[in-house]
Amino acid sequence: MARQKHKPQRMCVACRQSQDKKSLVRIVRTNEGVFVDEIGKRAGRGAYLHADPSCWEIGLKKSLERALKTSFTEQDLERLLQYQNNLSGLTMTETDQELASQE
C-alpha cells in the first residue's frame, strides 16, 4: 500500500476554513509593503485567503491586517483591491470603494 504524500494545510484568515496551501492565495508583508505572493515563497510574514470575493471583502476589512500585524498603506490597499477585482472580474464593489475612501 502506497503512502499518501502530506499536503500542507493553511487557514483562510477571513472564513477560518483550512484547505490545501496551494488552493489559497498567500498575502505577504515585507519591508516594502504588502503584496500578493503568487509563488508562495516570498520572504516575510504571510497570511492566506481563498480566491473567493467574499473572503477578500472580509479579509480586507480587518482580519488580514490583524494576521499580518500591520496597517495597510494606500498603495498596499490599492494592490490588494486590484488583485481582488482580477479574481472576480468585476468592478469595484461598494465595500471596496468605502475601504479606498477611508485611506
N, C-alpha and C. Protein backbone atom coordinates (compact mmCIF):
# COMPACT_ATOMS: atom_id res chain seq x y z
N MET A 1 0.84 -1.17 0.00
CA MET A 1 0.00 0.00 0.00
C MET A 1 0.89 1.25 0.00
N ALA A 2 0.69 2.13 -0.98
CA ALA A 2 1.48 3.34 -1.09
C ALA A 2 1.00 4.38 -0.07
N ARG A 3 1.96 5.05 0.48
CA ARG A 3 1.66 6.07 1.48
C ARG A 3 1.33 7.38 0.77
N GLN A 4 0.26 8.06 1.23
CA GLN A 4 -0.11 9.34 0.62
C GLN A 4 0.85 10.42 1.04
N LYS A 5 1.19 11.28 0.09
CA LYS A 5 2.08 12.38 0.37
C LYS A 5 1.34 13.44 1.20
N HIS A 6 2.01 13.98 2.21
CA HIS A 6 1.42 15.02 3.06
C HIS A 6 1.23 16.31 2.26
N LYS A 7 0.05 16.91 2.38
CA LYS A 7 -0.23 18.19 1.74
C LYS A 7 -0.38 19.23 2.84
N PRO A 8 0.47 20.27 2.81
CA PRO A 8 0.39 21.30 3.85
C PRO A 8 -0.98 21.98 3.85
N GLN A 9 -1.52 22.22 5.03
CA GLN A 9 -2.82 22.87 5.21
C GLN A 9 -2.59 24.28 5.75
N ARG A 10 -3.40 25.21 5.27
CA ARG A 10 -3.38 26.58 5.77
C ARG A 10 -4.81 27.03 5.99
N MET A 11 -4.98 28.06 6.84
CA MET A 11 -6.31 28.55 7.16
C MET A 11 -6.55 29.92 6.54
N CYS A 12 -7.70 30.08 5.93
CA CYS A 12 -8.12 31.37 5.39
C CYS A 12 -8.40 32.30 6.58
N VAL A 13 -7.79 33.49 6.60
CA VAL A 13 -7.96 34.39 7.73
C VAL A 13 -9.36 35.02 7.76
N ALA A 14 -10.11 34.92 6.67
CA ALA A 14 -11.45 35.50 6.63
C ALA A 14 -12.51 34.52 7.12
N CYS A 15 -12.58 33.34 6.52
CA CYS A 15 -13.64 32.38 6.86
C CYS A 15 -13.18 31.31 7.84
N ARG A 16 -11.88 31.26 8.13
CA ARG A 16 -11.29 30.34 9.11
C ARG A 16 -11.40 28.87 8.71
N GLN A 17 -11.52 28.57 7.42
CA GLN A 17 -11.56 27.19 6.95
C GLN A 17 -10.16 26.79 6.47
N SER A 18 -9.75 25.58 6.84
CA SER A 18 -8.45 25.06 6.40
C SER A 18 -8.60 24.36 5.06
N GLN A 19 -7.56 24.50 4.25
CA GLN A 19 -7.54 23.89 2.93
C GLN A 19 -6.08 23.68 2.53
N ASP A 20 -5.86 22.95 1.43
CA ASP A 20 -4.50 22.78 0.93
C ASP A 20 -3.88 24.14 0.66
N LYS A 21 -2.61 24.26 1.00
CA LYS A 21 -1.88 25.51 0.84
C LYS A 21 -1.95 26.03 -0.60
N LYS A 22 -1.84 25.13 -1.55
CA LYS A 22 -1.81 25.52 -2.97
C LYS A 22 -3.14 26.10 -3.46
N SER A 23 -4.25 25.80 -2.77
CA SER A 23 -5.55 26.28 -3.22
C SER A 23 -5.91 27.65 -2.64
N LEU A 24 -5.03 28.21 -1.80
CA LEU A 24 -5.27 29.52 -1.20
C LEU A 24 -4.31 30.55 -1.78
N VAL A 25 -4.66 31.82 -1.65
CA VAL A 25 -3.81 32.92 -2.12
C VAL A 25 -3.03 33.44 -0.92
N ARG A 26 -1.71 33.51 -1.06
CA ARG A 26 -0.86 34.00 0.04
C ARG A 26 -0.64 35.49 -0.12
N ILE A 27 -0.85 36.20 0.99
CA ILE A 27 -0.55 37.63 1.06
C ILE A 27 0.64 37.75 2.00
N VAL A 28 1.62 38.56 1.62
CA VAL A 28 2.84 38.65 2.43
C VAL A 28 3.16 40.11 2.75
N ARG A 29 3.60 40.33 4.00
CA ARG A 29 4.06 41.65 4.43
C ARG A 29 5.58 41.64 4.41
N THR A 30 6.16 42.58 3.69
CA THR A 30 7.60 42.73 3.62
C THR A 30 7.96 44.14 4.08
N ASN A 31 9.23 44.46 4.07
CA ASN A 31 9.67 45.83 4.41
C ASN A 31 9.19 46.84 3.37
N GLU A 32 8.93 46.38 2.15
CA GLU A 32 8.48 47.27 1.07
C GLU A 32 6.97 47.46 1.04
N GLY A 33 6.22 46.64 1.79
CA GLY A 33 4.77 46.75 1.79
C GLY A 33 4.11 45.39 1.79
N VAL A 34 2.82 45.38 1.47
CA VAL A 34 2.02 44.15 1.45
C VAL A 34 1.77 43.78 -0.02
N PHE A 35 2.01 42.51 -0.35
CA PHE A 35 1.89 42.05 -1.73
C PHE A 35 1.19 40.70 -1.78
N VAL A 36 0.60 40.40 -2.93
CA VAL A 36 0.09 39.05 -3.19
C VAL A 36 1.30 38.23 -3.62
N ASP A 37 1.49 37.09 -2.98
CA ASP A 37 2.63 36.21 -3.26
C ASP A 37 2.15 35.07 -4.15
N GLU A 38 2.28 35.24 -5.44
CA GLU A 38 1.77 34.26 -6.42
C GLU A 38 2.49 32.91 -6.29
N ILE A 39 3.78 32.93 -5.97
CA ILE A 39 4.57 31.71 -5.93
C ILE A 39 4.51 31.05 -4.56
N GLY A 40 4.33 31.86 -3.51
CA GLY A 40 4.26 31.33 -2.16
C GLY A 40 5.61 31.17 -1.48
N LYS A 41 6.64 31.77 -2.03
CA LYS A 41 7.99 31.62 -1.49
C LYS A 41 8.61 32.94 -1.03
N ARG A 42 7.90 34.03 -1.19
CA ARG A 42 8.45 35.34 -0.86
C ARG A 42 8.69 35.45 0.65
N ALA A 43 9.81 36.04 1.02
CA ALA A 43 10.15 36.20 2.43
C ALA A 43 9.25 37.24 3.07
N GLY A 44 8.85 37.01 4.29
CA GLY A 44 8.02 37.95 5.03
C GLY A 44 6.89 37.23 5.75
N ARG A 45 6.13 37.97 6.52
CA ARG A 45 5.01 37.40 7.27
C ARG A 45 3.85 37.18 6.30
N GLY A 46 3.30 35.97 6.30
CA GLY A 46 2.26 35.62 5.34
C GLY A 46 0.93 35.31 5.99
N ALA A 47 -0.12 35.47 5.21
CA ALA A 47 -1.48 35.09 5.59
C ALA A 47 -2.17 34.59 4.33
N TYR A 48 -3.22 33.81 4.50
CA TYR A 48 -3.87 33.18 3.36
C TYR A 48 -5.34 33.54 3.27
N LEU A 49 -5.83 33.68 2.03
CA LEU A 49 -7.24 33.92 1.72
C LEU A 49 -7.66 32.99 0.60
N HIS A 50 -8.94 32.58 0.61
CA HIS A 50 -9.49 31.87 -0.54
C HIS A 50 -9.57 32.83 -1.72
N ALA A 51 -9.60 32.30 -2.90
CA ALA A 51 -9.75 33.12 -4.10
C ALA A 51 -11.23 33.42 -4.34
N ASP A 52 -11.93 33.74 -3.28
CA ASP A 52 -13.37 34.00 -3.30
C ASP A 52 -13.59 35.46 -2.91
N PRO A 53 -14.35 36.21 -3.69
CA PRO A 53 -14.56 37.63 -3.38
C PRO A 53 -15.10 37.89 -1.98
N SER A 54 -15.95 37.01 -1.47
CA SER A 54 -16.50 37.24 -0.12
C SER A 54 -15.40 37.13 0.94
N CYS A 55 -14.47 36.20 0.78
CA CYS A 55 -13.34 36.09 1.72
C CYS A 55 -12.45 37.32 1.62
N TRP A 56 -12.26 37.83 0.41
CA TRP A 56 -11.43 39.02 0.23
C TRP A 56 -12.07 40.24 0.88
N GLU A 57 -13.39 40.38 0.76
CA GLU A 57 -14.07 41.51 1.39
C GLU A 57 -13.89 41.47 2.90
N ILE A 58 -14.10 40.30 3.50
CA ILE A 58 -13.93 40.15 4.94
C ILE A 58 -12.47 40.38 5.33
N GLY A 59 -11.56 39.79 4.57
CA GLY A 59 -10.14 39.92 4.87
C GLY A 59 -9.64 41.35 4.80
N LEU A 60 -10.11 42.10 3.80
CA LEU A 60 -9.64 43.47 3.64
C LEU A 60 -10.23 44.41 4.68
N LYS A 61 -11.34 44.04 5.31
CA LYS A 61 -11.92 44.90 6.34
C LYS A 61 -11.02 44.99 7.56
N LYS A 62 -10.54 43.87 8.07
CA LYS A 62 -9.65 43.91 9.24
C LYS A 62 -8.85 42.64 9.47
N SER A 63 -9.40 41.46 9.19
CA SER A 63 -8.72 40.23 9.59
C SER A 63 -7.35 40.06 8.92
N LEU A 64 -7.19 40.56 7.72
CA LEU A 64 -5.91 40.45 7.03
C LEU A 64 -4.86 41.36 7.68
N GLU A 65 -5.25 42.57 8.01
CA GLU A 65 -4.31 43.47 8.70
C GLU A 65 -3.88 42.87 10.04
N ARG A 66 -4.82 42.30 10.76
CA ARG A 66 -4.51 41.70 12.06
C ARG A 66 -3.57 40.51 11.90
N ALA A 67 -3.83 39.66 10.90
CA ALA A 67 -2.99 38.48 10.67
C ALA A 67 -1.57 38.87 10.26
N LEU A 68 -1.44 39.94 9.50
CA LEU A 68 -0.13 40.39 9.04
C LEU A 68 0.54 41.33 10.05
N LYS A 69 -0.19 41.68 11.11
CA LYS A 69 0.32 42.59 12.15
C LYS A 69 0.83 43.89 11.56
N THR A 70 -0.04 44.53 10.76
CA THR A 70 0.32 45.79 10.11
C THR A 70 -0.94 46.58 9.81
N SER A 71 -0.76 47.80 9.36
CA SER A 71 -1.84 48.62 8.83
C SER A 71 -1.54 48.85 7.36
N PHE A 72 -2.55 48.74 6.51
CA PHE A 72 -2.33 48.90 5.09
C PHE A 72 -2.09 50.36 4.73
N THR A 73 -1.12 50.59 3.87
CA THR A 73 -0.94 51.92 3.28
C THR A 73 -1.90 52.01 2.10
N GLU A 74 -1.99 53.18 1.54
CA GLU A 74 -2.87 53.38 0.38
C GLU A 74 -2.41 52.50 -0.79
N GLN A 75 -1.09 52.39 -0.99
CA GLN A 75 -0.57 51.56 -2.09
C GLN A 75 -0.85 50.08 -1.84
N ASP A 76 -0.71 49.63 -0.58
CA ASP A 76 -1.00 48.23 -0.25
C ASP A 76 -2.45 47.91 -0.58
N LEU A 77 -3.34 48.76 -0.11
CA LEU A 77 -4.77 48.54 -0.33
C LEU A 77 -5.11 48.56 -1.81
N GLU A 78 -4.48 49.45 -2.55
CA GLU A 78 -4.71 49.54 -3.99
C GLU A 78 -4.28 48.25 -4.69
N ARG A 79 -3.10 47.71 -4.33
CA ARG A 79 -2.61 46.46 -4.92
C ARG A 79 -3.56 45.30 -4.62
N LEU A 80 -4.00 45.21 -3.36
CA LEU A 80 -4.87 44.11 -2.96
C LEU A 80 -6.25 44.21 -3.61
N LEU A 81 -6.79 45.42 -3.70
CA LEU A 81 -8.09 45.60 -4.35
C LEU A 81 -8.00 45.27 -5.84
N GLN A 82 -6.89 45.62 -6.47
CA GLN A 82 -6.70 45.31 -7.88
C GLN A 82 -6.67 43.80 -8.09
N TYR A 83 -5.97 43.09 -7.21
CA TYR A 83 -5.92 41.63 -7.31
C TYR A 83 -7.30 41.03 -7.08
N GLN A 84 -8.02 41.56 -6.08
CA GLN A 84 -9.38 41.07 -5.80
C GLN A 84 -10.28 41.26 -7.01
N ASN A 85 -10.20 42.42 -7.65
CA ASN A 85 -11.03 42.69 -8.82
C ASN A 85 -10.66 41.78 -9.98
N ASN A 86 -9.38 41.43 -10.11
CA ASN A 86 -8.96 40.49 -11.15
C ASN A 86 -9.52 39.10 -10.89
N LEU A 87 -9.63 38.72 -9.61
CA LEU A 87 -10.19 37.41 -9.26
C LEU A 87 -11.65 37.31 -9.65
N SER A 88 -12.39 38.35 -9.33
CA SER A 88 -13.84 38.30 -9.54
C SER A 88 -14.23 38.76 -10.94
N GLY A 89 -13.36 39.50 -11.60
CA GLY A 89 -13.68 40.00 -12.93
C GLY A 89 -14.73 41.09 -12.88
N LEU A 90 -14.95 41.69 -11.71
CA LEU A 90 -15.96 42.72 -11.55
C LEU A 90 -15.30 44.07 -11.29
N THR A 91 -16.10 45.11 -11.36
CA THR A 91 -15.61 46.42 -10.98
C THR A 91 -15.65 46.54 -9.47
N MET A 92 -15.19 47.64 -8.95
CA MET A 92 -15.13 47.82 -7.50
C MET A 92 -16.52 47.74 -6.88
N THR A 93 -16.63 47.00 -5.80
CA THR A 93 -17.89 46.91 -5.08
C THR A 93 -18.00 48.10 -4.14
N GLU A 94 -19.16 48.26 -3.53
CA GLU A 94 -19.34 49.36 -2.58
C GLU A 94 -18.37 49.25 -1.42
N THR A 95 -18.13 48.03 -0.94
CA THR A 95 -17.21 47.82 0.17
C THR A 95 -15.80 48.24 -0.23
N ASP A 96 -15.38 47.89 -1.45
CA ASP A 96 -14.06 48.28 -1.94
C ASP A 96 -13.94 49.81 -1.99
N GLN A 97 -15.01 50.46 -2.48
CA GLN A 97 -14.98 51.91 -2.58
C GLN A 97 -14.91 52.57 -1.21
N GLU A 98 -15.61 51.99 -0.22
CA GLU A 98 -15.56 52.51 1.15
C GLU A 98 -14.16 52.36 1.72
N LEU A 99 -13.54 51.20 1.50
CA LEU A 99 -12.19 50.96 2.01
C LEU A 99 -11.19 51.94 1.38
N ALA A 100 -11.32 52.13 0.08
CA ALA A 100 -10.40 53.04 -0.62
C ALA A 100 -10.59 54.47 -0.16
N SER A 101 -11.82 54.88 0.14
CA SER A 101 -12.07 56.25 0.56
C SER A 101 -11.65 56.52 1.99
N GLN A 102 -11.49 55.44 2.82
CA GLN A 102 -11.07 55.62 4.20
C GLN A 102 -9.61 56.02 4.30
N GLU A 103 -8.81 55.67 3.34
CA GLU A 103 -7.36 55.97 3.39
C GLU A 103 -7.09 57.41 3.06
